PDB file of N, CA and C in Angstrom:
ATOM      1  N   MET A   1     -64.206-104.527 -65.412  1.00  0.00           N
ATOM      2  CA  MET A   1     -65.565-104.141 -65.784  1.00  0.00           C
ATOM      3  C   MET A   1     -66.624-103.957 -64.781  1.00  0.00           C
ATOM      4  N   ALA A   2     -66.953-102.540 -64.785  1.00  0.00           N
ATOM      5  CA  ALA A   2     -67.776-102.068 -63.509  1.00  0.00           C
ATOM      6  C   ALA A   2     -69.790-102.039 -64.255  1.00  0.00           C
ATOM      7  N   VAL A   3     -70.327-102.673 -63.700  1.00  0.00           N
ATOM      8  CA  VAL A   3     -71.396-102.245 -63.937  1.00  0.00           C
ATOM      9  C   VAL A   3     -72.504-101.481 -62.957  1.00  0.00           C
ATOM     10  N   GLU A   4     -73.058-101.183 -63.233  1.00  0.00           N
ATOM     11  CA  GLU A   4     -74.197 -99.552 -62.440  1.00  0.00           C
ATOM     12  C   GLU A   4     -75.347-100.328 -62.664  1.00  0.00           C
ATOM     13  N   THR A   5     -75.979-100.679 -61.446  1.00  0.00           N
ATOM     14  CA  THR A   5     -77.350-100.527 -61.210  1.00  0.00           C
ATOM     15  C   THR A   5     -78.394-100.191 -60.188  1.00  0.00           C
ATOM     16  N   ASP A   6     -79.742 -99.106 -60.804  1.00  0.00           N
ATOM     17  CA  ASP A   6     -79.769 -98.512 -59.433  1.00  0.00           C
ATOM     18  C   ASP A   6     -80.716 -99.483 -58.424  1.00  0.00           C
ATOM     19  N   ILE A   7     -80.811 -98.822 -57.472  1.00  0.00           N
ATOM     20  CA  ILE A   7     -81.534 -99.783 -55.911  1.00  0.00           C
ATOM     21  C   ILE A   7     -82.770-100.102 -56.613  1.00  0.00           C
ATOM     22  N   ALA A   8     -83.298 -99.730 -57.489  1.00  0.00           N
ATOM     23  CA  ALA A   8     -84.889 -99.751 -57.929  1.00  0.00           C
ATOM     24  C   ALA A   8     -85.037-101.126 -58.500  1.00  0.00           C
ATOM     25  N   THR A   9     -84.011-101.241 -59.376  1.00  0.00           N
ATOM     26  CA  THR A   9     -84.081-102.574 -60.220  1.00  0.00           C
ATOM     27  C   THR A   9     -83.146-103.829 -59.490  1.00  0.00           C
ATOM     28  N   ILE A  10     -82.330-103.444 -58.133  1.00  0.00           N
ATOM     29  CA  ILE A  10     -81.737-104.512 -57.307  1.00  0.00           C
ATOM     30  C   ILE A  10     -82.879-104.769 -56.594  1.00  0.00           C
ATOM     31  N   LEU A  11     -84.474-103.631 -56.023  1.00  0.00           N
ATOM     32  CA  LEU A  11     -85.052-104.115 -54.834  1.00  0.00           C
ATOM     33  C   LEU A  11     -86.134-105.149 -55.854  1.00  0.00           C
ATOM     34  N   ARG A  12     -87.104-104.783 -57.374  1.00  0.00           N
ATOM     35  CA  ARG A  12     -87.148-105.694 -57.773  1.00  0.00           C
ATOM     36  C   ARG A  12     -87.050-106.646 -58.732  1.00  0.00           C
ATOM     37  N   ILE A  13     -86.003-106.967 -58.476  1.00  0.00           N
ATOM     38  CA  ILE A  13     -85.316-108.263 -58.734  1.00  0.00           C
ATOM     39  C   ILE A  13     -85.467-109.225 -57.665  1.00  0.00           C
ATOM     40  N   LEU A  14     -85.380-108.608 -56.545  1.00  0.00           N
ATOM     41  CA  LEU A  14     -85.146-109.079 -54.623  1.00  0.00           C
ATOM     42  C   LEU A  14     -86.652-109.762 -54.338  1.00  0.00           C
ATOM     43  N   THR A  15     -87.473-108.921 -55.044  1.00  0.00           N
ATOM     44  CA  THR A  15     -88.801-109.497 -54.849  1.00  0.00           C
ATOM     45  C   THR A  15     -89.907-110.141 -55.665  1.00  0.00           C
ATOM     46  N   ARG A  16     -88.495-110.440 -56.841  1.00  0.00           N
ATOM     47  CA  ARG A  16     -89.281-111.790 -57.620  1.00  0.00           C
ATOM     48  C   ARG A  16     -88.765-112.928 -57.120  1.00  0.00           C
ATOM     49  N   LEU A  17     -87.321-112.694 -56.581  1.00  0.00           N
ATOM     50  CA  LEU A  17     -87.687-114.674 -55.889  1.00  0.00           C
ATOM     51  C   LEU A  17     -88.118-114.519 -54.780  1.00  0.00           C
ATOM     52  N   VAL A  18     -89.118-114.531 -54.119  1.00  0.00           N
ATOM     53  CA  VAL A  18     -89.763-114.597 -53.124  1.00  0.00           C
ATOM     54  C   VAL A  18     -90.971-115.319 -53.701  1.00  0.00           C
ATOM     55  N   ASP A  19     -91.398-116.185 -53.298  1.00  0.00           N
ATOM     56  CA  ASP A  19     -92.729-117.089 -53.542  1.00  0.00           C
ATOM     57  C   ASP A  19     -93.368-116.470 -52.825  1.00  0.00           C
ATOM     58  N   PRO A  20     -94.837-115.369 -53.682  1.00  0.00           N
ATOM     59  CA  PRO A  20     -95.916-114.625 -53.270  1.00  0.00           C
ATOM     60  C   PRO A  20     -97.143-116.043 -52.168  1.00  0.00           C
ATOM     61  N   GLU A  21     -96.730-117.065 -52.759  1.00  0.00           N
ATOM     62  CA  GLU A  21     -97.768-117.585 -51.999  1.00  0.00           C
ATOM     63  C   GLU A  21     -96.707-118.193 -50.761  1.00  0.00           C
ATOM     64  N   ALA A  22     -96.042-118.237 -50.371  1.00  0.00           N
ATOM     65  CA  ALA A  22     -95.017-119.046 -49.474  1.00  0.00           C
ATOM     66  C   ALA A  22     -95.322-118.471 -47.934  1.00  0.00           C
ATOM     67  N   PRO A  23     -96.225-119.007 -46.859  1.00  0.00           N
ATOM     68  CA  PRO A  23     -96.358-117.730 -45.137  1.00  0.00           C
ATOM     69  C   PRO A  23     -95.160-117.228 -45.447  1.00  0.00           C
ATOM     70  N   SER A  24     -95.453-116.180 -44.734  1.00  0.00           N
ATOM     71  CA  SER A  24     -94.042-115.036 -44.311  1.00  0.00           C
ATOM     72  C   SER A  24     -93.585-115.456 -43.047  1.00  0.00           C
ATOM     73  N   ARG A  25     -92.272-115.338 -43.094  1.00  0.00           N
ATOM     74  CA  ARG A  25     -91.492-115.831 -41.642  1.00  0.00           C
ATOM     75  C   ARG A  25     -90.495-114.734 -40.771  1.00  0.00           C
ATOM     76  N   ARG A  26     -91.482-113.476 -41.678  1.00  0.00           N
ATOM     77  CA  ARG A  26     -90.915-112.557 -40.254  1.00  0.00           C
ATOM     78  C   ARG A  26     -90.953-111.906 -39.065  1.00  0.00           C
ATOM     79  N   THR A  27     -89.854-111.390 -38.492  1.00  0.00           N
ATOM     80  CA  THR A  27     -89.987-111.407 -36.684  1.00  0.00           C
ATOM     81  C   THR A  27     -91.023-110.502 -36.753  1.00  0.00           C
ATOM     82  N   GLU A  28     -91.628-110.166 -35.365  1.00  0.00           N
ATOM     83  CA  GLU A  28     -92.223-109.028 -35.421  1.00  0.00           C
ATOM     84  C   GLU A  28     -90.862-107.835 -35.646  1.00  0.00           C
ATOM     85  N   LEU A  29     -89.989-108.154 -35.362  1.00  0.00           N
ATOM     86  CA  LEU A  29     -88.584-107.252 -35.004  1.00  0.00           C
ATOM     87  C   LEU A  29     -88.359-107.129 -36.729  1.00  0.00           C
ATOM     88  N   VAL A  30     -87.904-107.728 -37.780  1.00  0.00           N
ATOM     89  CA  VAL A  30     -87.848-107.839 -39.080  1.00  0.00           C
ATOM     90  C   VAL A  30     -88.803-106.517 -39.425  1.00  0.00           C
ATOM     91  N   CYS A  31     -90.095-106.914 -38.814  1.00  0.00           N
ATOM     92  CA  CYS A  31     -91.089-106.218 -39.722  1.00  0.00           C
ATOM     93  C   CYS A  31     -91.526-104.433 -39.173  1.00  0.00           C
ATOM     94  N   THR A  32     -90.711-104.678 -37.584  1.00  0.00           N
ATOM     95  CA  THR A  32     -90.792-103.058 -37.342  1.00  0.00           C
ATOM     96  C   THR A  32     -89.607-102.425 -38.131  1.00  0.00           C
ATOM     97  N   VAL A  33     -88.345-102.770 -38.331  1.00  0.00           N
ATOM     98  CA  VAL A  33     -87.966-102.896 -38.918  1.00  0.00           C
ATOM     99  C   VAL A  33     -87.927-102.460 -40.173  1.00  0.00           C
ATOM    100  N   MET A  34     -88.612-102.546 -40.911  1.00  0.00           N
ATOM    101  CA  MET A  34     -88.917-102.744 -42.280  1.00  0.00           C
ATOM    102  C   MET A  34     -89.303-101.526 -42.293  1.00  0.00           C
ATOM    103  N   ASP A  35     -90.537-101.470 -41.318  1.00  0.00           N
ATOM    104  CA  ASP A  35     -92.149-100.339 -41.197  1.00  0.00           C
ATOM    105  C   ASP A  35     -91.037 -98.817 -41.135  1.00  0.00           C
ATOM    106  N   TYR A  36     -90.406 -98.959 -40.014  1.00  0.00           N
ATOM    107  CA  TYR A  36     -89.291 -97.645 -39.629  1.00  0.00           C
ATOM    108  C   TYR A  36     -88.324 -97.564 -41.025  1.00  0.00           C
ATOM    109  N   VAL A  37     -88.041 -98.360 -41.830  1.00  0.00           N
ATOM    110  CA  VAL A  37     -87.301 -97.892 -42.945  1.00  0.00           C
ATOM    111  C   VAL A  37     -87.550 -96.890 -43.874  1.00  0.00           C
ATOM    112  N   ALA A  38     -88.978 -97.947 -44.445  1.00  0.00           N
ATOM    113  CA  ALA A  38     -89.808 -97.755 -45.127  1.00  0.00           C
ATOM    114  C   ALA A  38     -90.564 -96.205 -44.886  1.00  0.00           C
ATOM    115  N   SER A  39     -90.431 -95.580 -43.925  1.00  0.00           N
ATOM    116  CA  SER A  39     -91.357 -94.491 -43.362  1.00  0.00           C
ATOM    117  C   SER A  39     -89.865 -93.699 -43.741  1.00  0.00           C
ATOM    118  N   ALA A  40     -88.763 -94.075 -42.578  1.00  0.00           N
ATOM    119  CA  ALA A  40     -87.748 -93.188 -43.287  1.00  0.00           C
ATOM    120  C   ALA A  40     -87.468 -92.519 -44.552  1.00  0.00           C
ATOM    121  N   VAL A  41     -87.134 -93.407 -45.525  1.00  0.00           N
ATOM    122  CA  VAL A  41     -86.666 -93.332 -46.470  1.00  0.00           C
ATOM    123  C   VAL A  41     -88.176 -92.691 -47.677  1.00  0.00           C
ATOM    124  N   ALA A  42     -88.989 -92.512 -47.360  1.00  0.00           N
ATOM    125  CA  ALA A  42     -90.427 -91.970 -47.814  1.00  0.00           C
ATOM    126  C   ALA A  42     -90.497 -90.265 -47.451  1.00  0.00           C
ATOM    127  N   THR A  43     -90.135 -90.258 -45.955  1.00  0.00           N
ATOM    128  CA  THR A  43     -89.674 -89.093 -45.622  1.00  0.00           C
ATOM    129  C   THR A  43     -88.820 -88.442 -46.094  1.00  0.00           C
ATOM    130  N   GLY A  44     -87.304 -88.654 -46.296  1.00  0.00           N
ATOM    131  CA  GLY A  44     -86.423 -88.345 -46.756  1.00  0.00           C
ATOM    132  C   GLY A  44     -86.347 -87.732 -48.095  1.00  0.00           C
ATOM    133  N   SER A  45     -87.602 -88.744 -49.282  1.00  0.00           N
ATOM    134  CA  SER A  45     -87.109 -88.840 -50.403  1.00  0.00           C
ATOM    135  C   SER A  45     -88.288 -87.414 -50.717  1.00  0.00           C
ATOM    136  N   ALA A  46     -88.990 -86.959 -49.665  1.00  0.00           N
ATOM    137  CA  ALA A  46     -90.121 -85.713 -50.202  1.00  0.00           C
ATOM    138  C   ALA A  46     -89.566 -84.396 -49.618  1.00  0.00           C
ATOM    139  N   ILE A  47     -88.293 -84.687 -49.141  1.00  0.00           N
ATOM    140  CA  ILE A  47     -87.242 -83.644 -48.290  1.00  0.00           C
ATOM    141  C   ILE A  47     -86.340 -83.343 -49.173  1.00  0.00           C
ATOM    142  N   HIS A  48     -85.431 -84.448 -49.616  1.00  0.00           N
ATOM    143  CA  HIS A  48     -84.494 -84.463 -50.508  1.00  0.00           C
ATOM    144  C   HIS A  48     -84.704 -85.729 -51.731  1.00  0.00           C
ATOM    145  N   PRO A  49     -85.504 -85.022 -53.048  1.00  0.00           N
ATOM    146  CA  PRO A  49     -85.918 -86.232 -53.641  1.00  0.00           C
ATOM    147  C   PRO A  49     -84.377 -86.518 -54.943  1.00  0.00           C
ATOM    148  N   GLU A  50     -83.794 -85.195 -54.764  1.00  0.00           N
ATOM    149  CA  GLU A  50     -82.078 -85.820 -55.596  1.00  0.00           C
ATOM    150  C   GLU A  50     -81.491 -86.945 -55.154  1.00  0.00           C
ATOM    151  N   ALA A  51     -82.138 -87.551 -53.947  1.00  0.00           N
ATOM    152  CA  ALA A  51     -80.944 -88.257 -53.329  1.00  0.00           C
ATOM    153  C   ALA A  51     -81.575 -90.049 -53.788  1.00  0.00           C
ATOM    154  N   GLN A  52     -80.369 -90.667 -53.882  1.00  0.00           N
ATOM    155  CA  GLN A  52     -80.749 -91.948 -54.407  1.00  0.00           C
ATOM    156  C   GLN A  52     -81.564 -92.781 -53.252  1.00  0.00           C
ATOM    157  N   ILE A  53     -80.645 -93.191 -51.826  1.00  0.00           N
ATOM    158  CA  ILE A  53     -81.416 -93.092 -50.829  1.00  0.00           C
ATOM    159  C   ILE A  53     -81.667 -92.322 -50.026  1.00  0.00           C
ATOM    160  N   PRO A  54     -83.013 -91.081 -49.882  1.00  0.00           N
ATOM    161  CA  PRO A  54     -82.343 -90.363 -48.609  1.00  0.00           C
ATOM    162  C   PRO A  54     -82.808 -90.750 -47.166  1.00  0.00           C
ATOM    163  N   LEU A  55     -81.824 -90.871 -46.641  1.00  0.00           N
ATOM    164  CA  LEU A  55     -82.152 -90.718 -44.615  1.00  0.00           C
ATOM    165  C   LEU A  55     -81.900 -89.999 -44.592  1.00  0.00           C
ATOM    166  N   PRO A  56     -82.718 -89.967 -43.437  1.00  0.00           N
ATOM    167  CA  PRO A  56     -82.090 -88.752 -42.108  1.00  0.00           C
ATOM    168  C   PRO A  56     -80.977 -88.896 -41.389  1.00  0.00           C
ATOM    169  N   THR A  57     -80.704 -87.895 -41.205  1.00  0.00           N
ATOM    170  CA  THR A  57     -79.295 -87.843 -40.556  1.00  0.00           C
ATOM    171  C   THR A  57     -78.801 -88.267 -38.730  1.00  0.00           C
ATOM    172  N   ASP A  58     -80.459 -88.670 -38.720  1.00  0.00           N
ATOM    173  CA  ASP A  58     -80.467 -89.433 -37.131  1.00  0.00           C
ATOM    174  C   ASP A  58     -80.495 -90.326 -37.640  1.00  0.00           C
ATOM    175  N   PHE A  59     -80.670 -91.610 -38.880  1.00  0.00           N
ATOM    176  CA  PHE A  59     -81.113 -92.442 -39.001  1.00  0.00           C
ATOM    177  C   PHE A  59     -81.176 -93.751 -37.529  1.00  0.00           C
ATOM    178  N   ALA A  60     -79.374 -93.957 -38.104  1.00  0.00           N
ATOM    179  CA  ALA A  60     -78.822 -95.081 -37.193  1.00  0.00           C
ATOM    180  C   ALA A  60     -79.367 -94.857 -35.733  1.00  0.00           C
ATOM    181  N   LYS A  61     -79.650 -93.737 -35.344  1.00  0.00           N
ATOM    182  CA  LYS A  61     -79.529 -93.219 -33.772  1.00  0.00           C
ATOM    183  C   LYS A  61     -81.273 -94.024 -33.820  1.00  0.00           C
ATOM    184  N   HIS A  62     -81.794 -93.643 -34.938  1.00  0.00           N
ATOM    185  CA  HIS A  62     -83.718 -94.205 -34.678  1.00  0.00           C
ATOM    186  C   HIS A  62     -83.739 -95.387 -34.563  1.00  0.00           C
ATOM    187  N   LEU A  63     -82.636 -95.957 -35.849  1.00  0.00           N
ATOM    188  CA  LEU A  63     -82.780 -97.182 -35.673  1.00  0.00           C
ATOM    189  C   LEU A  63     -82.543 -98.507 -34.656  1.00  0.00           C
ATOM    190  N   ASP A  64     -81.244 -97.132 -33.659  1.00  0.00           N
ATOM    191  CA  ASP A  64     -80.974 -98.093 -32.706  1.00  0.00           C
ATOM    192  C   ASP A  64     -82.574 -98.268 -31.702  1.00  0.00           C
ATOM    193  N   LEU A  65     -82.922 -97.080 -31.936  1.00  0.00           N
ATOM    194  CA  LEU A  65     -84.288 -97.556 -30.899  1.00  0.00           C
ATOM    195  C   LEU A  65     -84.929 -97.905 -30.860  1.00  0.00           C
ATOM    196  N   VAL A  66     -85.425 -98.179 -32.223  1.00  0.00           N
ATOM    197  CA  VAL A  66     -86.587 -99.115 -32.742  1.00  0.00           C
ATOM    198  C   VAL A  66     -85.977-100.752 -32.167  1.00  0.00           C
ATOM    199  N   LEU A  67     -84.806-100.518 -32.950  1.00  0.00           N
ATOM    200  CA  LEU A  67     -83.957-102.513 -32.229  1.00  0.00           C
ATOM    201  C   LEU A  67     -84.227-102.599 -30.899  1.00  0.00           C
ATOM    202  N   ALA A  68     -83.831-101.284 -29.988  1.00  0.00           N
ATOM    203  CA  ALA A  68     -83.947-101.942 -28.193  1.00  0.00           C
ATOM    204  C   ALA A  68     -85.696-102.011 -27.657  1.00  0.00           C
ATOM    205  N   SER A  69     -86.298-101.037 -28.444  1.00  0.00           N
ATOM    206  CA  SER A  69     -87.884-101.357 -28.032  1.00  0.00           C
ATOM    207  C   SER A  69     -88.643-102.333 -28.185  1.00  0.00           C
ATOM    208  N   THR A  70     -87.943-103.523 -29.618  1.00  0.00           N
ATOM    209  CA  THR A  70     -89.053-104.349 -29.865  1.00  0.00           C
ATOM    210  C   THR A  70     -88.410-105.679 -29.281  1.00  0.00           C
TER     211      THR A  70
END
C-alpha cells in the first residue's frame, strides 16, 4: 500500500516536532546551507511554479561552494 504525502505536509509535521522554547543548536554551516536552499527553492519556484521542489540546474555545484566557503 503506497501512501503519497506532499512535501509541505512533511515539512509542517517536522516543524511541529521541535520545541519552540528550546535554544537553537544549529551551527553556522547548517544556517548557511538552510539559507541557500531556501533561496534556491524560492528562486526556482518563481521560474518553475509547476515543480514540487524547483531547484536550479547548478544547485549541487553551488551547494558545494557554500559548504567549501563555510
